[in-house]
Amino acid sequence: MTYIGLIIGALFGIFLANRRKGKIMDILHYAAACAIIGGLVALIANVIILRLG
């Protein structure tokens, strides 16, 4: 589940950077930052799901 969050976050970051007409370094930066955020959110959701189940 965490890897799915990383991938979704990276894709979202790429989408944001492309929409803002960013260059390749901007795209990589947004992808990395959003991937970290997506991975952390997915990790927290995974812990919550495992605690409730």
N, C-alpha and C. Protein backbone atom coordinates (compact mmCIF):
# COMPACT_ATOMS: atom_id res chain seq x y z
N MET A 1 0.83 -1.19 0.00
CA MET A 1 0.00 0.00 0.00
C MET A 1 0.88 1.26 0.00
N THR A 2 2.01 1.19 0.67
CA THR A 2 2.89 2.35 0.72
C THR A 2 3.46 2.66 -0.66
N TYR A 3 3.82 1.62 -1.40
CA TYR A 3 4.36 1.83 -2.74
C TYR A 3 3.32 2.43 -3.69
N ILE A 4 2.09 2.06 -3.49
CA ILE A 4 1.02 2.65 -4.31
C ILE A 4 0.90 4.14 -4.01
N GLY A 5 1.01 4.49 -2.73
CA GLY A 5 0.99 5.91 -2.34
C GLY A 5 2.16 6.68 -2.93
N LEU A 6 3.33 6.05 -2.97
CA LEU A 6 4.50 6.69 -3.57
C LEU A 6 4.27 6.95 -5.05
N ILE A 7 3.76 5.96 -5.75
CA ILE A 7 3.54 6.10 -7.20
C ILE A 7 2.48 7.16 -7.49
N ILE A 8 1.38 7.11 -6.75
CA ILE A 8 0.31 8.10 -6.96
C ILE A 8 0.82 9.51 -6.65
N GLY A 9 1.60 9.65 -5.58
CA GLY A 9 2.17 10.95 -5.23
C GLY A 9 3.11 11.47 -6.30
N ALA A 10 3.96 10.58 -6.83
CA ALA A 10 4.90 10.99 -7.88
C ALA A 10 4.15 11.42 -9.14
N LEU A 11 3.14 10.66 -9.51
CA LEU A 11 2.35 11.03 -10.70
C LEU A 11 1.64 12.36 -10.50
N PHE A 12 1.14 12.58 -9.29
CA PHE A 12 0.49 13.86 -8.99
C PHE A 12 1.48 15.01 -9.06
N GLY A 13 2.70 14.79 -8.56
CA GLY A 13 3.74 15.82 -8.64
C GLY A 13 4.12 16.14 -10.07
N ILE A 14 4.24 15.10 -10.90
CA ILE A 14 4.53 15.32 -12.32
C ILE A 14 3.42 16.12 -12.98
N PHE A 15 2.19 15.79 -12.66
CA PHE A 15 1.04 16.51 -13.21
C PHE A 15 1.07 17.98 -12.80
N LEU A 16 1.35 18.24 -11.51
CA LEU A 16 1.41 19.63 -11.04
C LEU A 16 2.50 20.43 -11.74
N ALA A 17 3.68 19.83 -11.85
CA ALA A 17 4.80 20.54 -12.46
C ALA A 17 4.55 20.80 -13.94
N ASN A 18 3.95 19.85 -14.63
CA ASN A 18 3.64 20.05 -16.05
C ASN A 18 2.59 21.13 -16.22
N ARG A 19 1.62 21.18 -15.33
CA ARG A 19 0.57 22.19 -15.42
C ARG A 19 1.12 23.59 -15.18
N ARG A 20 2.17 23.67 -14.37
CA ARG A 20 2.79 24.97 -14.09
C ARG A 20 3.95 25.27 -15.04
N LYS A 21 4.07 24.50 -16.10
CA LYS A 21 5.09 24.71 -17.15
C LYS A 21 6.51 24.64 -16.58
N GLY A 22 6.77 23.64 -15.73
CA GLY A 22 8.09 23.50 -15.13
C GLY A 22 9.07 22.79 -16.05
N LYS A 23 10.32 23.05 -15.82
CA LYS A 23 11.38 22.36 -16.56
C LYS A 23 11.62 21.00 -15.91
N ILE A 24 12.58 20.23 -16.43
CA ILE A 24 12.78 18.85 -15.98
C ILE A 24 13.15 18.79 -14.50
N MET A 25 13.95 19.72 -14.01
CA MET A 25 14.32 19.70 -12.60
C MET A 25 13.13 20.03 -11.71
N ASP A 26 12.24 20.91 -12.18
CA ASP A 26 11.02 21.20 -11.43
C ASP A 26 10.13 19.97 -11.36
N ILE A 27 10.03 19.26 -12.48
CA ILE A 27 9.20 18.06 -12.53
C ILE A 27 9.75 17.00 -11.56
N LEU A 28 11.06 16.81 -11.55
CA LEU A 28 11.66 15.83 -10.64
C LEU A 28 11.48 16.24 -9.18
N HIS A 29 11.62 17.52 -8.91
CA HIS A 29 11.47 18.01 -7.55
C HIS A 29 10.04 17.81 -7.05
N TYR A 30 9.06 18.21 -7.85
CA TYR A 30 7.66 18.02 -7.48
C TYR A 30 7.33 16.54 -7.32
N ALA A 31 7.85 15.71 -8.22
CA ALA A 31 7.57 14.27 -8.15
C ALA A 31 8.14 13.68 -6.86
N ALA A 32 9.35 14.06 -6.50
CA ALA A 32 9.96 13.53 -5.28
C ALA A 32 9.22 14.01 -4.03
N ALA A 33 8.91 15.28 -3.98
CA ALA A 33 8.24 15.82 -2.80
C ALA A 33 6.85 15.22 -2.63
N CYS A 34 6.10 15.13 -3.71
CA CYS A 34 4.76 14.57 -3.63
C CYS A 34 4.79 13.06 -3.37
N ALA A 35 5.82 12.38 -3.86
CA ALA A 35 5.95 10.95 -3.60
C ALA A 35 6.21 10.71 -2.11
N ILE A 36 7.02 11.55 -1.49
CA ILE A 36 7.28 11.42 -0.06
C ILE A 36 5.99 11.64 0.73
N ILE A 37 5.25 12.67 0.36
CA ILE A 37 3.99 12.96 1.05
C ILE A 37 3.00 11.82 0.85
N GLY A 38 2.88 11.34 -0.38
CA GLY A 38 1.95 10.24 -0.65
C GLY A 38 2.35 8.97 0.08
N GLY A 39 3.65 8.69 0.15
CA GLY A 39 4.11 7.51 0.87
C GLY A 39 3.82 7.60 2.36
N LEU A 40 4.02 8.78 2.94
CA LEU A 40 3.73 8.95 4.36
C LEU A 40 2.25 8.82 4.66
N VAL A 41 1.42 9.39 3.82
CA VAL A 41 -0.03 9.27 4.01
C VAL A 41 -0.46 7.81 3.90
N ALA A 42 0.07 7.10 2.91
CA ALA A 42 -0.27 5.69 2.75
C ALA A 42 0.24 4.87 3.93
N LEU A 43 1.41 5.19 4.44
CA LEU A 43 1.96 4.47 5.59
C LEU A 43 1.08 4.67 6.82
N ILE A 44 0.66 5.89 7.07
CA ILE A 44 -0.21 6.17 8.20
C ILE A 44 -1.54 5.47 8.04
N ALA A 45 -2.10 5.48 6.81
CA ALA A 45 -3.35 4.77 6.56
C ALA A 45 -3.18 3.28 6.77
N ASN A 46 -2.05 2.74 6.37
CA ASN A 46 -1.78 1.32 6.56
C ASN A 46 -1.73 0.96 8.04
N VAL A 47 -1.08 1.77 8.85
CA VAL A 47 -1.00 1.52 10.28
C VAL A 47 -2.40 1.58 10.90
N ILE A 48 -3.19 2.55 10.51
CA ILE A 48 -4.55 2.67 11.04
C ILE A 48 -5.38 1.45 10.66
N ILE A 49 -5.28 1.02 9.41
CA ILE A 49 -6.04 -0.14 8.97
C ILE A 49 -5.62 -1.39 9.75
N LEU A 50 -4.33 -1.57 9.96
CA LEU A 50 -3.85 -2.74 10.68
C LEU A 50 -4.25 -2.69 12.15
N ARG A 51 -4.30 -1.52 12.75
CA ARG A 51 -4.71 -1.40 14.16
C ARG A 51 -6.19 -1.67 14.35
N LEU A 52 -7.00 -1.28 13.38
CA LEU A 52 -8.46 -1.47 13.50
C LEU A 52 -8.87 -2.91 13.18
N GLY A 53 -8.07 -3.59 12.38
CA GLY A 53 -8.46 -4.92 11.90
C GLY A 53 -8.08 -6.03 12.77
